[in-house]
Every structure is written in structure tokens, then in C-alpha cells.
Amino acid sequence: TGFTSVIIAVCFMISLFFSPILSVITLEVTAPALIIVGTFM
């Protein structure tokens, strides 16, 4: 549902203030999620 989108938007709002933390989210960290999700699709 759209509540998932609301949570995503809230996370983006928070990220405006916590930009230094975003450096830990590297491409290698999210790579497994994209590989697995591709399988589902």
C-alpha cells in the first residue's frame, strides 16, 4: 500500500539531517537485494 511510500518519504526527510550516515549505504551493501529482487520479478 501507499503506507510503504509514506515510510520511504519519512526516511528521505530524516536523511536531510543525517547525510553523514548515508555514506555507509554502499553499492556493495544493496547489491544482494537487487539480485534477489530480480529473481522475484
PDB file of all heavy atoms in Angstrom:
ATOM      1  N   THR A   1       0.826  -1.210   0.000  1.00  0.00           N
ATOM      2  CA  THR A   1       0.000   0.000   0.000  1.00  0.00           C
ATOM      3  C   THR A   1       0.861   1.261   0.000  1.00  0.00           C
ATOM      4  O   THR A   1       2.083   1.203   0.130  1.00  0.00           O
ATOM      5  CB  THR A   1      -0.922   0.057   1.243  1.00  0.00           C
ATOM      6  OG1 THR A   1      -0.133   0.421   2.390  1.00  0.00           O
ATOM      7  CG2 THR A   1      -1.601  -1.279   1.496  1.00  0.00           C
ATOM      8  N   GLY A   2       0.192   2.390  -0.074  1.00  0.00           N
ATOM      9  CA  GLY A   2       0.878   3.664  -0.069  1.00  0.00           C
ATOM     10  C   GLY A   2       1.539   3.998   1.255  1.00  0.00           C
ATOM     11  O   GLY A   2       2.348   4.923   1.328  1.00  0.00           O
ATOM     12  N   PHE A   3       1.212   3.242   2.312  1.00  0.00           N
ATOM     13  CA  PHE A   3       1.870   3.497   3.593  1.00  0.00           C
ATOM     14  C   PHE A   3       3.365   3.184   3.489  1.00  0.00           C
ATOM     15  O   PHE A   3       4.184   3.824   4.157  1.00  0.00           O
ATOM     16  CB  PHE A   3       1.231   2.663   4.707  1.00  0.00           C
ATOM     17  CG  PHE A   3       1.689   3.059   6.088  1.00  0.00           C
ATOM     18  CD1 PHE A   3       1.273   4.251   6.659  1.00  0.00           C
ATOM     19  CD2 PHE A   3       2.548   2.251   6.805  1.00  0.00           C
ATOM     20  CE1 PHE A   3       1.705   4.623   7.923  1.00  0.00           C
ATOM     21  CE2 PHE A   3       2.991   2.605   8.069  1.00  0.00           C
ATOM     22  CZ  PHE A   3       2.558   3.802   8.637  1.00  0.00           C
ATOM     23  N   THR A   4       3.706   2.217   2.643  1.00  0.00           N
ATOM     24  CA  THR A   4       5.121   1.941   2.374  1.00  0.00           C
ATOM     25  C   THR A   4       5.791   3.202   1.827  1.00  0.00           C
ATOM     26  O   THR A   4       6.903   3.559   2.234  1.00  0.00           O
ATOM     27  CB  THR A   4       5.259   0.795   1.353  1.00  0.00           C
ATOM     28  OG1 THR A   4       4.814  -0.427   1.946  1.00  0.00           O
ATOM     29  CG2 THR A   4       6.699   0.622   0.895  1.00  0.00           C
ATOM     30  N   SER A   5       5.120   3.897   0.913  1.00  0.00           N
ATOM     31  CA  SER A   5       5.668   5.123   0.336  1.00  0.00           C
ATOM     32  C   SER A   5       5.803   6.225   1.373  1.00  0.00           C
ATOM     33  O   SER A   5       6.751   7.016   1.330  1.00  0.00           O
ATOM     34  CB  SER A   5       4.778   5.603  -0.820  1.00  0.00           C
ATOM     35  OG  SER A   5       4.779   4.663  -1.867  1.00  0.00           O
ATOM     36  N   VAL A   6       4.845   6.288   2.301  1.00  0.00           N
ATOM     37  CA  VAL A   6       4.930   7.287   3.371  1.00  0.00           C
ATOM     38  C   VAL A   6       6.191   7.052   4.208  1.00  0.00           C
ATOM     39  O   VAL A   6       6.916   7.995   4.541  1.00  0.00           O
ATOM     40  CB  VAL A   6       3.669   7.237   4.263  1.00  0.00           C
ATOM     41  CG1 VAL A   6       3.853   8.132   5.490  1.00  0.00           C
ATOM     42  CG2 VAL A   6       2.434   7.665   3.481  1.00  0.00           C
ATOM     43  N   ILE A   7       6.472   5.791   4.528  1.00  0.00           N
ATOM     44  CA  ILE A   7       7.671   5.449   5.297  1.00  0.00           C
ATOM     45  C   ILE A   7       8.931   5.835   4.520  1.00  0.00           C
ATOM     46  O   ILE A   7       9.884   6.394   5.076  1.00  0.00           O
ATOM     47  CB  ILE A   7       7.693   3.947   5.639  1.00  0.00           C
ATOM     48  CG1 ILE A   7       6.516   3.577   6.542  1.00  0.00           C
ATOM     49  CG2 ILE A   7       9.013   3.568   6.301  1.00  0.00           C
ATOM     50  CD1 ILE A   7       6.511   4.283   7.877  1.00  0.00           C
ATOM     51  N   ILE A   8       8.929   5.565   3.210  1.00  0.00           N
ATOM     52  CA  ILE A   8      10.081   5.924   2.362  1.00  0.00           C
ATOM     53  C   ILE A   8      10.299   7.437   2.397  1.00  0.00           C
ATOM     54  O   ILE A   8      11.427   7.917   2.563  1.00  0.00           O
ATOM     55  CB  ILE A   8       9.858   5.465   0.909  1.00  0.00           C
ATOM     56  CG1 ILE A   8       9.727   3.940   0.833  1.00  0.00           C
ATOM     57  CG2 ILE A   8      11.015   5.941   0.011  1.00  0.00           C
ATOM     58  CD1 ILE A   8       9.192   3.436  -0.503  1.00  0.00           C
ATOM     59  N   ALA A   9       9.201   8.199   2.258  1.00  0.00           N
ATOM     60  CA  ALA A   9       9.297   9.660   2.262  1.00  0.00           C
ATOM     61  C   ALA A   9       9.823  10.171   3.601  1.00  0.00           C
ATOM     62  O   ALA A   9      10.647  11.100   3.645  1.00  0.00           O
ATOM     63  CB  ALA A   9       7.929  10.273   1.957  1.00  0.00           C
ATOM     64  N   VAL A  10       9.364   9.578   4.699  1.00  0.00           N
ATOM     65  CA  VAL A  10       9.833   9.968   6.031  1.00  0.00           C
ATOM     66  C   VAL A  10      11.340   9.717   6.145  1.00  0.00           C
ATOM     67  O   VAL A  10      12.086  10.533   6.697  1.00  0.00           O
ATOM     68  CB  VAL A  10       9.069   9.208   7.133  1.00  0.00           C
ATOM     69  CG1 VAL A  10       9.741   9.412   8.488  1.00  0.00           C
ATOM     70  CG2 VAL A  10       7.623   9.672   7.192  1.00  0.00           C
ATOM     71  N   CYS A  11      11.793   8.582   5.610  1.00  0.00           N
ATOM     72  CA  CYS A  11      13.229   8.264   5.629  1.00  0.00           C
ATOM     73  C   CYS A  11      14.029   9.292   4.844  1.00  0.00           C
ATOM     74  O   CYS A  11      15.126   9.703   5.271  1.00  0.00           O
ATOM     75  CB  CYS A  11      13.469   6.861   5.059  1.00  0.00           C
ATOM     76  SG  CYS A  11      12.908   5.509   6.131  1.00  0.00           S
ATOM     77  N   PHE A  12      13.490   9.733   3.711  1.00  0.00           N
ATOM     78  CA  PHE A  12      14.177  10.772   2.933  1.00  0.00           C
ATOM     79  C   PHE A  12      14.212  12.098   3.704  1.00  0.00           C
ATOM     80  O   PHE A  12      15.193  12.845   3.631  1.00  0.00           O
ATOM     81  CB  PHE A  12      13.494  10.974   1.579  1.00  0.00           C
ATOM     82  CG  PHE A  12      14.003  10.066   0.491  1.00  0.00           C
ATOM     83  CD1 PHE A  12      13.191   9.078  -0.046  1.00  0.00           C
ATOM     84  CD2 PHE A  12      15.285  10.199   0.000  1.00  0.00           C
ATOM     85  CE1 PHE A  12      13.657   8.236  -1.049  1.00  0.00           C
ATOM     86  CE2 PHE A  12      15.769   9.368  -1.003  1.00  0.00           C
ATOM     87  CZ  PHE A  12      14.949   8.378  -1.524  1.00  0.00           C
ATOM     88  N   MET A  13      13.128  12.393   4.444  1.00  0.00           N
ATOM     89  CA  MET A  13      13.113  13.604   5.270  1.00  0.00           C
ATOM     90  C   MET A  13      14.219  13.550   6.327  1.00  0.00           C
ATOM     91  O   MET A  13      14.964  14.504   6.525  1.00  0.00           O
ATOM     92  CB  MET A  13      11.748  13.744   5.967  1.00  0.00           C
ATOM     93  CG  MET A  13      10.594  14.097   5.066  1.00  0.00           C
ATOM     94  SD  MET A  13       9.052  14.217   6.023  1.00  0.00           S
ATOM     95  CE  MET A  13       7.842  14.188   4.685  1.00  0.00           C
ATOM     96  N   ILE A  14      14.300  12.407   6.999  1.00  0.00           N
ATOM     97  CA  ILE A  14      15.318  12.236   8.041  1.00  0.00           C
ATOM     98  C   ILE A  14      16.716  12.325   7.450  1.00  0.00           C
ATOM     99  O   ILE A  14      17.636  12.885   8.063  1.00  0.00           O
ATOM    100  CB  ILE A  14      15.114  10.878   8.755  1.00  0.00           C
ATOM    101  CG1 ILE A  14      13.779  10.874   9.512  1.00  0.00           C
ATOM    102  CG2 ILE A  14      16.264  10.586   9.719  1.00  0.00           C
ATOM    103  CD1 ILE A  14      13.387   9.523  10.072  1.00  0.00           C
ATOM    104  N   SER A  15      16.862  11.801   6.231  1.00  0.00           N
ATOM    105  CA  SER A  15      18.194  11.783   5.601  1.00  0.00           C
ATOM    106  C   SER A  15      18.735  13.190   5.352  1.00  0.00           C
ATOM    107  O   SER A  15      19.947  13.390   5.264  1.00  0.00           O
ATOM    108  CB  SER A  15      18.140  11.016   4.277  1.00  0.00           C
ATOM    109  OG  SER A  15      17.411  11.731   3.287  1.00  0.00           O
ATOM    110  N   LEU A  16      17.847  14.182   5.239  1.00  0.00           N
ATOM    111  CA  LEU A  16      18.290  15.560   5.061  1.00  0.00           C
ATOM    112  C   LEU A  16      19.158  16.024   6.233  1.00  0.00           C
ATOM    113  O   LEU A  16      20.080  16.818   6.068  1.00  0.00           O
ATOM    114  CB  LEU A  16      17.077  16.490   4.925  1.00  0.00           C
ATOM    115  CG  LEU A  16      16.394  16.541   3.558  1.00  0.00           C
ATOM    116  CD1 LEU A  16      15.052  17.251   3.669  1.00  0.00           C
ATOM    117  CD2 LEU A  16      17.276  17.240   2.536  1.00  0.00           C
ATOM    118  N   PHE A  17      18.852  15.507   7.414  1.00  0.00           N
ATOM    119  CA  PHE A  17      19.586  15.901   8.618  1.00  0.00           C
ATOM    120  C   PHE A  17      20.729  14.942   8.965  1.00  0.00           C
ATOM    121  O   PHE A  17      21.617  15.284   9.730  1.00  0.00           O
ATOM    122  CB  PHE A  17      18.631  15.971   9.809  1.00  0.00           C
ATOM    123  CG  PHE A  17      17.495  16.937   9.616  1.00  0.00           C
ATOM    124  CD1 PHE A  17      16.277  16.505   9.120  1.00  0.00           C
ATOM    125  CD2 PHE A  17      17.657  18.282   9.909  1.00  0.00           C
ATOM    126  CE1 PHE A  17      15.231  17.399   8.938  1.00  0.00           C
ATOM    127  CE2 PHE A  17      16.615  19.179   9.722  1.00  0.00           C
ATOM    128  CZ  PHE A  17      15.399  18.739   9.232  1.00  0.00           C
ATOM    129  N   PHE A  18      20.654  13.721   8.417  1.00  0.00           N
ATOM    130  CA  PHE A  18      21.645  12.709   8.773  1.00  0.00           C
ATOM    131  C   PHE A  18      22.435  12.248   7.548  1.00  0.00           C
ATOM    132  O   PHE A  18      22.701  11.062   7.373  1.00  0.00           O
ATOM    133  CB  PHE A  18      20.952  11.511   9.432  1.00  0.00           C
ATOM    134  CG  PHE A  18      20.314  11.837  10.745  1.00  0.00           C
ATOM    135  CD1 PHE A  18      19.003  12.274  10.807  1.00  0.00           C
ATOM    136  CD2 PHE A  18      21.031  11.734  11.926  1.00  0.00           C
ATOM    137  CE1 PHE A  18      18.412  12.591  12.025  1.00  0.00           C
ATOM    138  CE2 PHE A  18      20.444  12.043  13.147  1.00  0.00           C
ATOM    139  CZ  PHE A  18      19.129  12.478  13.192  1.00  0.00           C
ATOM    140  N   SER A  19      22.822  13.204   6.710  1.00  0.00           N
ATOM    141  CA  SER A  19      23.540  12.861   5.489  1.00  0.00           C
ATOM    142  C   SER A  19      24.843  12.097   5.731  1.00  0.00           C
ATOM    143  O   SER A  19      25.210  11.248   4.903  1.00  0.00           O
ATOM    144  CB  SER A  19      23.816  14.122   4.663  1.00  0.00           C
ATOM    145  OG  SER A  19      24.507  15.084   5.432  1.00  0.00           O
ATOM    146  N   PRO A  20      25.586  12.344   6.841  1.00  0.00           N
ATOM    147  CA  PRO A  20      26.826  11.572   7.039  1.00  0.00           C
ATOM    148  C   PRO A  20      26.601  10.067   7.143  1.00  0.00           C
ATOM    149  O   PRO A  20      27.457   9.274   6.747  1.00  0.00           O
ATOM    150  CB  PRO A  20      27.385  12.137   8.356  1.00  0.00           C
ATOM    151  CG  PRO A  20      26.842  13.519   8.435  1.00  0.00           C
ATOM    152  CD  PRO A  20      25.459  13.410   7.845  1.00  0.00           C
ATOM    153  N   ILE A  21      25.440   9.656   7.680  1.00  0.00           N
ATOM    154  CA  ILE A  21      25.169   8.233   7.848  1.00  0.00           C
ATOM    155  C   ILE A  21      24.994   7.540   6.494  1.00  0.00           C
ATOM    156  O   ILE A  21      25.244   6.346   6.353  1.00  0.00           O
ATOM    157  CB  ILE A  21      23.902   8.027   8.718  1.00  0.00           C
ATOM    158  CG1 ILE A  21      24.172   8.525  10.130  1.00  0.00           C
ATOM    159  CG2 ILE A  21      23.486   6.567   8.767  1.00  0.00           C
ATOM    160  CD1 ILE A  21      23.009   8.378  11.076  1.00  0.00           C
ATOM    161  N   LEU A  22      24.567   8.300   5.477  1.00  0.00           N
ATOM    162  CA  LEU A  22      24.299   7.701   4.170  1.00  0.00           C
ATOM    163  C   LEU A  22      25.561   7.116   3.539  1.00  0.00           C
ATOM    164  O   LEU A  22      25.480   6.269   2.652  1.00  0.00           O
ATOM    165  CB  LEU A  22      23.695   8.746   3.228  1.00  0.00           C
ATOM    166  CG  LEU A  22      22.298   9.235   3.603  1.00  0.00           C
ATOM    167  CD1 LEU A  22      21.875  10.369   2.695  1.00  0.00           C
ATOM    168  CD2 LEU A  22      21.292   8.097   3.547  1.00  0.00           C
ATOM    169  N   SER A  23      26.718   7.542   4.006  1.00  0.00           N
ATOM    170  CA  SER A  23      27.967   7.031   3.439  1.00  0.00           C
ATOM    171  C   SER A  23      28.141   5.541   3.692  1.00  0.00           C
ATOM    172  O   SER A  23      28.917   4.882   3.006  1.00  0.00           O
ATOM    173  CB  SER A  23      29.163   7.798   4.016  1.00  0.00           C
ATOM    174  OG  SER A  23      29.250   7.613   5.425  1.00  0.00           O
ATOM    175  N   VAL A  24      27.420   4.988   4.677  1.00  0.00           N
ATOM    176  CA  VAL A  24      27.569   3.557   4.981  1.00  0.00           C
ATOM    177  C   VAL A  24      26.756   2.697   4.014  1.00  0.00           C
ATOM    178  O   VAL A  24      26.961   1.484   3.935  1.00  0.00           O
ATOM    179  CB  VAL A  24      27.166   3.229   6.436  1.00  0.00           C
ATOM    180  CG1 VAL A  24      27.929   4.097   7.412  1.00  0.00           C
ATOM    181  CG2 VAL A  24      25.659   3.383   6.655  1.00  0.00           C
ATOM    182  N   ILE A  25      25.821   3.320   3.292  1.00  0.00           N
ATOM    183  CA  ILE A  25      24.990   2.545   2.356  1.00  0.00           C
ATOM    184  C   ILE A  25      25.702   2.517   1.009  1.00  0.00           C
ATOM    185  O   ILE A  25      25.454   3.327   0.129  1.00  0.00           O
ATOM    186  CB  ILE A  25      23.578   3.158   2.224  1.00  0.00           C
ATOM    187  CG1 ILE A  25      22.930   3.298   3.599  1.00  0.00           C
ATOM    188  CG2 ILE A  25      22.703   2.290   1.323  1.00  0.00           C
ATOM    189  CD1 ILE A  25      21.625   4.063   3.596  1.00  0.00           C
ATOM    190  N   THR A  26      26.606   1.579   0.859  1.00  0.00           N
ATOM    191  CA  THR A  26      27.396   1.474  -0.369  1.00  0.00           C
ATOM    192  C   THR A  26      26.678   0.611  -1.395  1.00  0.00           C
ATOM    193  O   THR A  26      25.721  -0.111  -1.078  1.00  0.00           O
ATOM    194  CB  THR A  26      28.771   0.862  -0.059  1.00  0.00           C
ATOM    195  OG1 THR A  26      28.580  -0.481   0.420  1.00  0.00           O
ATOM    196  CG2 THR A  26      29.513   1.669   0.993  1.00  0.00           C
ATOM    197  N   LEU A  27      27.153   0.660  -2.621  1.00  0.00           N
ATOM    198  CA  LEU A  27      26.552  -0.139  -3.687  1.00  0.00           C
ATOM    199  C   LEU A  27      26.689  -1.631  -3.395  1.00  0.00           C
ATOM    200  O   LEU A  27      25.795  -2.426  -3.721  1.00  0.00           O
ATOM    201  CB  LEU A  27      27.222   0.196  -5.025  1.00  0.00           C
ATOM    202  CG  LEU A  27      27.004   1.629  -5.539  1.00  0.00           C
ATOM    203  CD1 LEU A  27      27.758   1.835  -6.837  1.00  0.00           C
ATOM    204  CD2 LEU A  27      25.523   1.915  -5.739  1.00  0.00           C
ATOM    205  N   GLU A  28      27.807  -2.041  -2.779  1.00  0.00           N
ATOM    206  CA  GLU A  28      28.013  -3.456  -2.463  1.00  0.00           C
ATOM    207  C   GLU A  28      27.005  -3.953  -1.432  1.00  0.00           C
ATOM    208  O   GLU A  28      26.607  -5.117  -1.447  1.00  0.00           O
ATOM    209  CB  GLU A  28      29.437  -3.679  -1.916  1.00  0.00           C
ATOM    210  CG  GLU A  28      30.543  -3.488  -2.933  1.00  0.00           C
ATOM    211  CD  GLU A  28      30.931  -2.041  -3.126  1.00  0.00           C
ATOM    212  OE1 GLU A  28      30.435  -1.186  -2.347  1.00  0.00           O
ATOM    213  OE2 GLU A  28      31.719  -1.742  -4.044  1.00  0.00           O
ATOM    214  N   VAL A  29      26.578  -3.067  -0.536  1.00  0.00           N
ATOM    215  CA  VAL A  29      25.620  -3.440   0.509  1.00  0.00           C
ATOM    216  C   VAL A  29      24.238  -3.720  -0.070  1.00  0.00           C
ATOM    217  O   VAL A  29      23.548  -4.656   0.339  1.00  0.00           O
ATOM    218  CB  VAL A  29      25.548  -2.318   1.578  1.00  0.00           C
ATOM    219  CG1 VAL A  29      24.322  -2.490   2.465  1.00  0.00           C
ATOM    220  CG2 VAL A  29      26.817  -2.320   2.424  1.00  0.00           C
ATOM    221  N   THR A  30      23.815  -2.896  -1.038  1.00  0.00           N
ATOM    222  CA  THR A  30      22.477  -3.069  -1.616  1.00  0.00           C
ATOM    223  C   THR A  30      22.459  -4.034  -2.798  1.00  0.00           C
ATOM    224  O   THR A  30      21.388  -4.429  -3.255  1.00  0.00           O
ATOM    225  CB  THR A  30      21.911  -1.713  -2.071  1.00  0.00           C
ATOM    226  OG1 THR A  30      22.807  -1.119  -3.023  1.00  0.00           O
ATOM    227  CG2 THR A  30      21.748  -0.765  -0.893  1.00  0.00           C
ATOM    228  N   ALA A  31      23.628  -4.431  -3.285  1.00  0.00           N
ATOM    229  CA  ALA A  31      23.697  -5.334  -4.436  1.00  0.00           C
ATOM    230  C   ALA A  31      22.931  -6.644  -4.221  1.00  0.00           C
ATOM    231  O   ALA A  31      22.171  -7.075  -5.104  1.00  0.00           O
ATOM    232  CB  ALA A  31      25.160  -5.619  -4.790  1.00  0.00           C
ATOM    233  N   PRO A  32      23.078  -7.335  -3.069  1.00  0.00           N
ATOM    234  CA  PRO A  32      22.336  -8.584  -2.871  1.00  0.00           C
ATOM    235  C   PRO A  32      20.826  -8.410  -2.979  1.00  0.00           C
ATOM    236  O   PRO A  32      20.132  -9.274  -3.539  1.00  0.00           O
ATOM    237  CB  PRO A  32      22.744  -9.008  -1.451  1.00  0.00           C
ATOM    238  CG  PRO A  32      24.074  -8.377  -1.238  1.00  0.00           C
ATOM    239  CD  PRO A  32      23.993  -7.061  -1.944  1.00  0.00           C
ATOM    240  N   ALA A  33      20.308  -7.286  -2.460  1.00  0.00           N
ATOM    241  CA  ALA A  33      18.864  -7.037  -2.530  1.00  0.00           C
ATOM    242  C   ALA A  33      18.402  -6.952  -3.976  1.00  0.00           C
ATOM    243  O   ALA A  33      17.374  -7.539  -4.354  1.00  0.00           O
ATOM    244  CB  ALA A  33      18.521  -5.746  -1.778  1.00  0.00           C
ATOM    245  N   LEU A  34      19.156  -6.245  -4.811  1.00  0.00           N
ATOM    246  CA  LEU A  34      18.766  -6.096  -6.221  1.00  0.00           C
ATOM    247  C   LEU A  34      18.843  -7.430  -6.958  1.00  0.00           C
ATOM    248  O   LEU A  34      17.982  -7.744  -7.794  1.00  0.00           O
ATOM    249  CB  LEU A  34      19.664  -5.062  -6.898  1.00  0.00           C
ATOM    250  CG  LEU A  34      19.598  -3.636  -6.332  1.00  0.00           C
ATOM    251  CD1 LEU A  34      20.506  -2.711  -7.121  1.00  0.00           C
ATOM    252  CD2 LEU A  34      18.170  -3.112  -6.347  1.00  0.00           C
ATOM    253  N   ILE A  35      19.857  -8.229  -6.650  1.00  0.00           N
ATOM    254  CA  ILE A  35      20.000  -9.534  -7.302  1.00  0.00           C
ATOM    255  C   ILE A  35      18.812 -10.435  -6.975  1.00  0.00           C
ATOM    256  O   ILE A  35      18.235 -11.074  -7.863  1.00  0.00           O
ATOM    257  CB  ILE A  35      21.323 -10.204  -6.872  1.00  0.00           C
ATOM    258  CG1 ILE A  35      22.522  -9.396  -7.389  1.00  0.00           C
ATOM    259  CG2 ILE A  35      21.406 -11.640  -7.389  1.00  0.00           C
ATOM    260  CD1 ILE A  35      23.853  -9.797  -6.775  1.00  0.00           C
ATOM    261  N   ILE A  36      18.444 -10.471  -5.709  1.00  0.00           N
ATOM    262  CA  ILE A  36      17.333 -11.324  -5.264  1.00  0.00           C
ATOM    263  C   ILE A  36      16.007 -10.822  -5.812  1.00  0.00           C
ATOM    264  O   ILE A  36      15.170 -11.603  -6.287  1.00  0.00           O
ATOM    265  CB  ILE A  36      17.280 -11.379  -3.731  1.00  0.00           C
ATOM    266  CG1 ILE A  36      18.513 -12.091  -3.174  1.00  0.00           C
ATOM    267  CG2 ILE A  36      16.011 -12.086  -3.259  1.00  0.00           C
ATOM    268  CD1 ILE A  36      18.641 -13.540  -3.580  1.00  0.00           C
ATOM    269  N   VAL A  37      15.803  -9.516  -5.766  1.00  0.00           N
ATOM    270  CA  VAL A  37      14.548  -8.938  -6.252  1.00  0.00           C
ATOM    271  C   VAL A  37      14.364  -9.237  -7.737  1.00  0.00           C
ATOM    272  O   VAL A  37      13.244  -9.520  -8.201  1.00  0.00           O
ATOM    273  CB  VAL A  37      14.527  -7.422  -5.989  1.00  0.00           C
ATOM    274  CG1 VAL A  37      13.427  -6.749  -6.787  1.00  0.00           C
ATOM    275  CG2 VAL A  37      14.324  -7.166  -4.509  1.00  0.00           C
ATOM    276  N   GLY A  38      15.457  -9.192  -8.500  1.00  0.00           N
ATOM    277  CA  GLY A  38      15.374  -9.532  -9.915  1.00  0.00           C
ATOM    278  C   GLY A  38      14.817 -10.926 -10.117  1.00  0.00           C
ATOM    279  O   GLY A  38      14.029 -11.175 -11.037  1.00  0.00           O
ATOM    280  N   THR A  39      15.189 -11.844  -9.231  1.00  0.00           N
ATOM    281  CA  THR A  39      14.676 -13.215  -9.301  1.00  0.00           C
ATOM    282  C   THR A  39      13.164 -13.238  -9.167  1.00  0.00           C
ATOM    283  O   THR A  39      12.462 -13.924  -9.919  1.00  0.00           O
ATOM    284  CB  THR A  39      15.296 -14.075  -8.180  1.00  0.00           C
ATOM    285  OG1 THR A  39      16.721 -14.011  -8.272  1.00  0.00           O
ATOM    286  CG2 THR A  39      14.850 -15.523  -8.281  1.00  0.00           C
ATOM    287  N   PHE A  40      12.650 -12.479  -8.196  1.00  0.00           N
ATOM    288  CA  PHE A  40      11.199 -12.446  -7.987  1.00  0.00           C
ATOM    289  C   PHE A  40      10.470 -11.895  -9.211  1.00  0.00           C
ATOM    290  O   PHE A  40       9.413 -12.399  -9.610  1.00  0.00           O
ATOM    291  CB  PHE A  40      10.859 -11.581  -6.762  1.00  0.00           C
ATOM    292  CG  PHE A  40      11.351 -12.143  -5.460  1.00  0.00           C
ATOM    293  CD1 PHE A  40      11.796 -11.300  -4.454  1.00  0.00           C
ATOM    294  CD2 PHE A  40      11.380 -13.506  -5.237  1.00  0.00           C
ATOM    295  CE1 PHE A  40      12.258 -11.812  -3.251  1.00  0.00           C
ATOM    296  CE2 PHE A  40      11.831 -14.031  -4.035  1.00  0.00           C
ATOM    297  CZ  PHE A  40      12.275 -13.191  -3.034  1.00  0.00           C
ATOM    298  N   MET A  41      11.033 -10.851  -9.811  1.00  0.00           N
ATOM    299  CA  MET A  41      10.362 -10.215 -10.937  1.00  0.00           C
ATOM    300  C   MET A  41      10.394 -11.078 -12.194  1.00  0.00           C
ATOM    301  O   MET A  41       9.451 -11.061 -13.000  1.00  0.00           O
ATOM    302  CB  MET A  41      10.991  -8.848 -11.207  1.00  0.00           C
ATOM    303  CG  MET A  41      10.860  -7.882 -10.043  1.00  0.00           C
ATOM    304  SD  MET A  41      11.523  -6.242 -10.383  1.00  0.00           S
ATOM    305  CE  MET A  41      10.246  -5.608 -11.459  1.00  0.00           C
TER     306      MET A  41
END
